[in-house]
N, C-alpha and C. Protein backbone atom coordinates (compact mmCIF):
# COMPACT_ATOMS: atom_id res chain seq x y z
N UNK A 1 231.07 84.66 16.18
CA UNK A 1 231.11 85.80 15.29
C UNK A 1 229.74 86.47 15.27
N UNK A 2 229.73 87.77 15.44
CA UNK A 2 228.49 88.52 15.48
C UNK A 2 228.06 88.94 14.09
N UNK A 3 226.77 89.01 13.89
CA UNK A 3 226.22 89.50 12.64
C UNK A 3 226.13 91.01 12.76
N UNK A 4 226.67 91.73 11.77
CA UNK A 4 226.70 93.19 11.80
C UNK A 4 225.28 93.76 11.78
N UNK A 5 225.05 94.80 12.58
CA UNK A 5 223.73 95.40 12.72
C UNK A 5 223.19 95.93 11.39
N UNK A 6 224.04 96.59 10.58
CA UNK A 6 223.54 97.18 9.35
C UNK A 6 223.11 96.12 8.33
N UNK A 7 223.55 94.90 8.48
CA UNK A 7 223.17 93.83 7.57
C UNK A 7 221.94 93.06 8.00
N UNK A 8 221.37 93.41 9.14
CA UNK A 8 220.22 92.68 9.66
C UNK A 8 218.94 93.07 8.93
N UNK A 9 218.08 92.08 8.71
CA UNK A 9 216.78 92.32 8.09
C UNK A 9 215.71 91.60 8.92
N UNK A 10 214.47 92.01 8.72
CA UNK A 10 213.36 91.36 9.43
C UNK A 10 213.30 89.88 9.06
N UNK A 11 213.56 89.56 7.83
CA UNK A 11 213.50 88.18 7.35
C UNK A 11 214.44 87.27 8.15
N UNK A 12 215.58 87.82 8.57
CA UNK A 12 216.56 87.04 9.32
C UNK A 12 216.02 86.60 10.68
N UNK A 13 215.05 87.35 11.22
CA UNK A 13 214.51 87.05 12.54
C UNK A 13 213.17 86.32 12.50
N UNK A 14 212.57 86.22 11.33
CA UNK A 14 211.23 85.63 11.22
C UNK A 14 211.15 84.24 11.84
N UNK A 15 212.16 83.42 11.62
CA UNK A 15 212.14 82.05 12.15
C UNK A 15 212.53 82.00 13.64
N UNK A 16 212.97 83.12 14.19
CA UNK A 16 213.41 83.18 15.59
C UNK A 16 212.29 83.62 16.55
N UNK A 17 211.14 84.07 16.01
CA UNK A 17 210.04 84.50 16.87
C UNK A 17 209.58 83.33 17.73
N UNK A 18 209.47 83.59 19.03
CA UNK A 18 209.10 82.55 19.98
C UNK A 18 210.29 81.82 20.59
N UNK A 19 211.47 82.09 20.06
CA UNK A 19 212.68 81.42 20.54
C UNK A 19 213.33 82.20 21.69
N UNK A 20 214.14 81.49 22.46
CA UNK A 20 214.84 82.09 23.59
C UNK A 20 216.23 82.55 23.15
N UNK A 21 216.58 83.75 23.58
CA UNK A 21 217.91 84.33 23.36
C UNK A 21 218.57 84.47 24.72
N UNK A 22 219.88 84.32 24.76
CA UNK A 22 220.63 84.49 25.99
C UNK A 22 221.47 85.76 25.87
N UNK A 23 221.29 86.66 26.84
CA UNK A 23 222.07 87.90 26.90
C UNK A 23 223.22 87.71 27.86
N UNK A 24 224.41 88.12 27.43
CA UNK A 24 225.58 88.06 28.30
C UNK A 24 225.51 89.24 29.26
N UNK A 25 225.05 88.98 30.47
CA UNK A 25 224.94 90.01 31.50
C UNK A 25 225.70 89.57 32.75
N UNK A 26 225.95 90.53 33.62
CA UNK A 26 226.66 90.27 34.87
C UNK A 26 225.66 90.41 36.01
N UNK A 27 225.61 89.54 36.97
CA UNK A 27 226.58 88.51 37.29
C UNK A 27 226.33 87.19 36.56
N UNK A 28 225.18 87.05 35.89
CA UNK A 28 224.91 85.81 35.16
C UNK A 28 224.08 86.13 33.92
N UNK A 29 224.11 85.24 32.93
CA UNK A 29 223.33 85.47 31.70
C UNK A 29 221.83 85.52 31.99
N UNK A 30 221.12 86.23 31.13
CA UNK A 30 219.67 86.39 31.23
C UNK A 30 219.04 85.86 29.96
N UNK A 31 217.91 85.19 30.10
CA UNK A 31 217.20 84.69 28.93
C UNK A 31 216.02 85.60 28.61
N UNK A 32 215.90 85.89 27.31
CA UNK A 32 214.80 86.70 26.78
C UNK A 32 214.11 85.89 25.69
N UNK A 33 212.82 86.10 25.53
CA UNK A 33 212.09 85.44 24.47
C UNK A 33 211.74 86.49 23.42
N UNK A 34 212.00 86.17 22.14
CA UNK A 34 211.60 87.07 21.06
C UNK A 34 210.10 86.89 20.86
N UNK A 35 209.34 87.85 21.37
CA UNK A 35 207.88 87.77 21.35
C UNK A 35 207.30 88.07 19.98
N UNK A 36 207.84 89.12 19.34
CA UNK A 36 207.22 89.55 18.09
C UNK A 36 208.20 90.34 17.24
N UNK A 37 207.95 90.30 15.95
CA UNK A 37 208.70 91.04 14.94
C UNK A 37 207.70 91.99 14.29
N UNK A 38 208.01 93.29 14.27
CA UNK A 38 207.10 94.28 13.70
C UNK A 38 207.81 94.96 12.53
N UNK A 39 207.25 94.79 11.32
CA UNK A 39 207.85 95.43 10.14
C UNK A 39 207.17 96.75 9.85
N UNK A 40 207.98 97.73 9.46
CA UNK A 40 207.45 99.03 9.06
C UNK A 40 207.08 99.02 7.59
N UNK A 41 206.76 100.18 7.06
CA UNK A 41 206.41 100.28 5.65
C UNK A 41 207.68 100.28 4.80
N UNK A 42 207.53 99.86 3.58
CA UNK A 42 208.67 99.75 2.66
C UNK A 42 209.28 101.13 2.41
N UNK A 43 210.58 101.25 2.52
CA UNK A 43 211.24 102.54 2.30
C UNK A 43 211.52 102.75 0.81
N UNK A 44 212.27 103.79 0.54
CA UNK A 44 212.71 104.03 -0.83
C UNK A 44 213.64 102.91 -1.26
N UNK A 45 213.71 102.64 -2.56
CA UNK A 45 214.62 101.59 -3.04
C UNK A 45 216.05 101.83 -2.55
N UNK A 46 216.70 100.75 -2.18
CA UNK A 46 218.07 100.84 -1.72
C UNK A 46 218.21 100.96 -0.21
N UNK A 47 217.09 101.09 0.50
CA UNK A 47 217.12 101.20 1.95
C UNK A 47 216.46 99.97 2.57
N UNK A 48 216.90 99.63 3.76
CA UNK A 48 216.33 98.51 4.49
C UNK A 48 214.92 98.87 4.97
N UNK A 49 214.01 97.89 4.91
CA UNK A 49 212.68 98.07 5.49
C UNK A 49 212.85 98.13 7.01
N UNK A 50 212.36 99.20 7.65
CA UNK A 50 212.51 99.30 9.10
C UNK A 50 211.73 98.20 9.82
N UNK A 51 212.26 97.77 10.96
CA UNK A 51 211.58 96.76 11.76
C UNK A 51 211.98 96.88 13.21
N UNK A 52 211.17 96.27 14.08
CA UNK A 52 211.45 96.22 15.51
C UNK A 52 211.34 94.80 16.00
N UNK A 53 212.14 94.48 16.99
CA UNK A 53 212.06 93.19 17.67
C UNK A 53 211.58 93.47 19.09
N UNK A 54 210.59 92.72 19.54
CA UNK A 54 210.07 92.87 20.90
C UNK A 54 210.43 91.60 21.67
N UNK A 55 211.19 91.78 22.74
CA UNK A 55 211.62 90.69 23.61
C UNK A 55 210.90 90.79 24.94
N UNK A 56 210.78 89.66 25.65
CA UNK A 56 210.20 89.66 26.99
C UNK A 56 211.12 88.93 27.95
N UNK A 57 210.99 89.30 29.22
CA UNK A 57 211.63 88.59 30.33
C UNK A 57 210.60 88.50 31.44
N UNK A 58 210.83 87.63 32.41
CA UNK A 58 209.96 87.65 33.60
C UNK A 58 210.11 88.99 34.32
N UNK A 59 209.12 89.36 35.11
CA UNK A 59 209.15 90.63 35.86
C UNK A 59 210.34 90.69 36.82
N UNK A 60 210.87 89.55 37.22
CA UNK A 60 212.00 89.52 38.15
C UNK A 60 213.31 89.95 37.49
N UNK A 61 213.32 90.06 36.17
CA UNK A 61 214.52 90.46 35.42
C UNK A 61 214.32 91.89 34.93
N UNK A 62 215.31 92.74 35.19
CA UNK A 62 215.25 94.12 34.71
C UNK A 62 216.55 94.44 33.99
N UNK A 63 216.44 94.72 32.70
CA UNK A 63 217.60 95.13 31.91
C UNK A 63 217.52 96.63 31.68
N UNK A 64 218.64 97.31 31.82
CA UNK A 64 218.71 98.73 31.53
C UNK A 64 218.86 98.93 30.03
N UNK A 65 218.57 100.13 29.54
CA UNK A 65 218.78 100.43 28.13
C UNK A 65 220.28 100.37 27.86
N UNK A 66 220.68 99.49 26.95
CA UNK A 66 222.10 99.30 26.64
C UNK A 66 222.24 98.34 25.47
N UNK A 67 223.49 98.17 25.03
CA UNK A 67 223.80 97.15 24.03
C UNK A 67 224.06 95.84 24.75
N UNK A 68 223.52 94.77 24.19
CA UNK A 68 223.70 93.44 24.77
C UNK A 68 224.14 92.46 23.69
N UNK A 69 225.01 91.56 24.09
CA UNK A 69 225.39 90.45 23.21
C UNK A 69 224.34 89.37 23.42
N UNK A 70 223.63 89.05 22.36
CA UNK A 70 222.58 88.05 22.42
C UNK A 70 222.92 86.86 21.55
N UNK A 71 222.64 85.68 22.05
CA UNK A 71 222.84 84.46 21.28
C UNK A 71 221.49 83.77 21.16
N UNK A 72 221.08 83.47 19.93
CA UNK A 72 219.79 82.82 19.72
C UNK A 72 219.91 81.32 19.94
N UNK A 73 218.77 80.67 20.07
CA UNK A 73 218.74 79.22 20.24
C UNK A 73 219.35 78.52 19.03
N UNK A 74 219.31 79.19 17.87
CA UNK A 74 219.87 78.60 16.65
C UNK A 74 221.39 78.80 16.56
N UNK A 75 221.97 79.51 17.55
CA UNK A 75 223.42 79.70 17.58
C UNK A 75 223.91 80.99 16.96
N UNK A 76 223.02 81.80 16.40
CA UNK A 76 223.42 83.09 15.82
C UNK A 76 223.66 84.08 16.95
N UNK A 77 224.66 84.95 16.77
CA UNK A 77 224.99 85.93 17.79
C UNK A 77 224.83 87.34 17.25
N UNK A 78 224.30 88.21 18.10
CA UNK A 78 224.02 89.59 17.70
C UNK A 78 224.47 90.54 18.80
N UNK A 79 224.79 91.76 18.42
CA UNK A 79 225.02 92.85 19.36
C UNK A 79 223.87 93.82 19.12
N UNK A 80 222.89 93.83 20.04
CA UNK A 80 221.67 94.62 19.84
C UNK A 80 221.51 95.64 20.96
N UNK A 81 221.00 96.81 20.59
CA UNK A 81 220.66 97.84 21.58
C UNK A 81 219.22 97.61 21.99
N UNK A 82 219.01 97.30 23.27
CA UNK A 82 217.67 97.04 23.79
C UNK A 82 217.23 98.21 24.67
N UNK A 83 215.96 98.59 24.51
CA UNK A 83 215.35 99.64 25.32
C UNK A 83 214.12 99.07 26.00
N UNK A 84 213.97 99.30 27.31
CA UNK A 84 212.73 98.89 27.97
C UNK A 84 211.56 99.68 27.39
N UNK A 85 210.43 99.04 27.23
CA UNK A 85 209.22 99.73 26.76
C UNK A 85 208.09 99.43 27.73
N UNK A 86 207.03 100.19 27.62
CA UNK A 86 205.88 99.98 28.50
C UNK A 86 205.34 98.57 28.28
N UNK A 87 205.23 97.84 29.36
CA UNK A 87 204.75 96.46 29.28
C UNK A 87 203.27 96.38 29.57
N UNK A 88 202.56 95.59 28.78
CA UNK A 88 201.15 95.37 29.11
C UNK A 88 201.07 94.58 30.43
N UNK A 89 199.92 94.47 30.96
CA UNK A 89 199.75 93.76 32.24
C UNK A 89 199.72 92.26 32.00
N UNK A 90 200.85 91.73 31.53
CA UNK A 90 200.93 90.29 31.24
C UNK A 90 201.95 89.58 32.12
N UNK A 91 202.49 90.30 33.13
CA UNK A 91 203.45 89.68 34.03
C UNK A 91 204.84 89.56 33.44
N UNK A 92 205.11 90.26 32.34
CA UNK A 92 206.41 90.21 31.68
C UNK A 92 206.95 91.63 31.52
N UNK A 93 208.27 91.75 31.43
CA UNK A 93 208.90 93.01 31.04
C UNK A 93 209.15 92.93 29.53
N UNK A 94 209.03 94.06 28.84
CA UNK A 94 209.20 94.08 27.39
C UNK A 94 210.36 95.02 27.02
N UNK A 95 211.08 94.61 25.99
CA UNK A 95 212.24 95.36 25.49
C UNK A 95 212.15 95.42 23.98
N UNK A 96 212.68 96.49 23.41
CA UNK A 96 212.61 96.68 21.97
C UNK A 96 213.99 96.95 21.38
N UNK A 97 214.23 96.37 20.21
CA UNK A 97 215.40 96.71 19.40
C UNK A 97 214.84 97.23 18.08
N UNK A 98 215.24 98.44 17.68
CA UNK A 98 214.72 99.05 16.45
C UNK A 98 215.80 99.13 15.39
N UNK A 99 215.37 98.92 14.14
CA UNK A 99 216.27 98.99 13.00
C UNK A 99 215.62 99.84 11.92
N UNK A 100 216.29 100.92 11.54
CA UNK A 100 215.78 101.81 10.50
C UNK A 100 216.48 101.58 9.19
């Protein structure tokens, strides 16, 4: 069962930083590591605090911008929209999921 995107909060991912997620891709699953969680400034009352998740893969893995079914090491499943972002020269590809 997937966790609905609108119900996601930064707090839900805090314990997942550094953990491996598996994306259901073809022809075989791909593993991504949740590198960092970036929280935005507090919004008006009643709105979710915006946040971003930054994932990494080895340079040999290239994911296109799309929605992916991700399963965390803790067994939680998500449907997240990932976008490639400029990667620093660290030998990894970086991807971002944003939540407003």
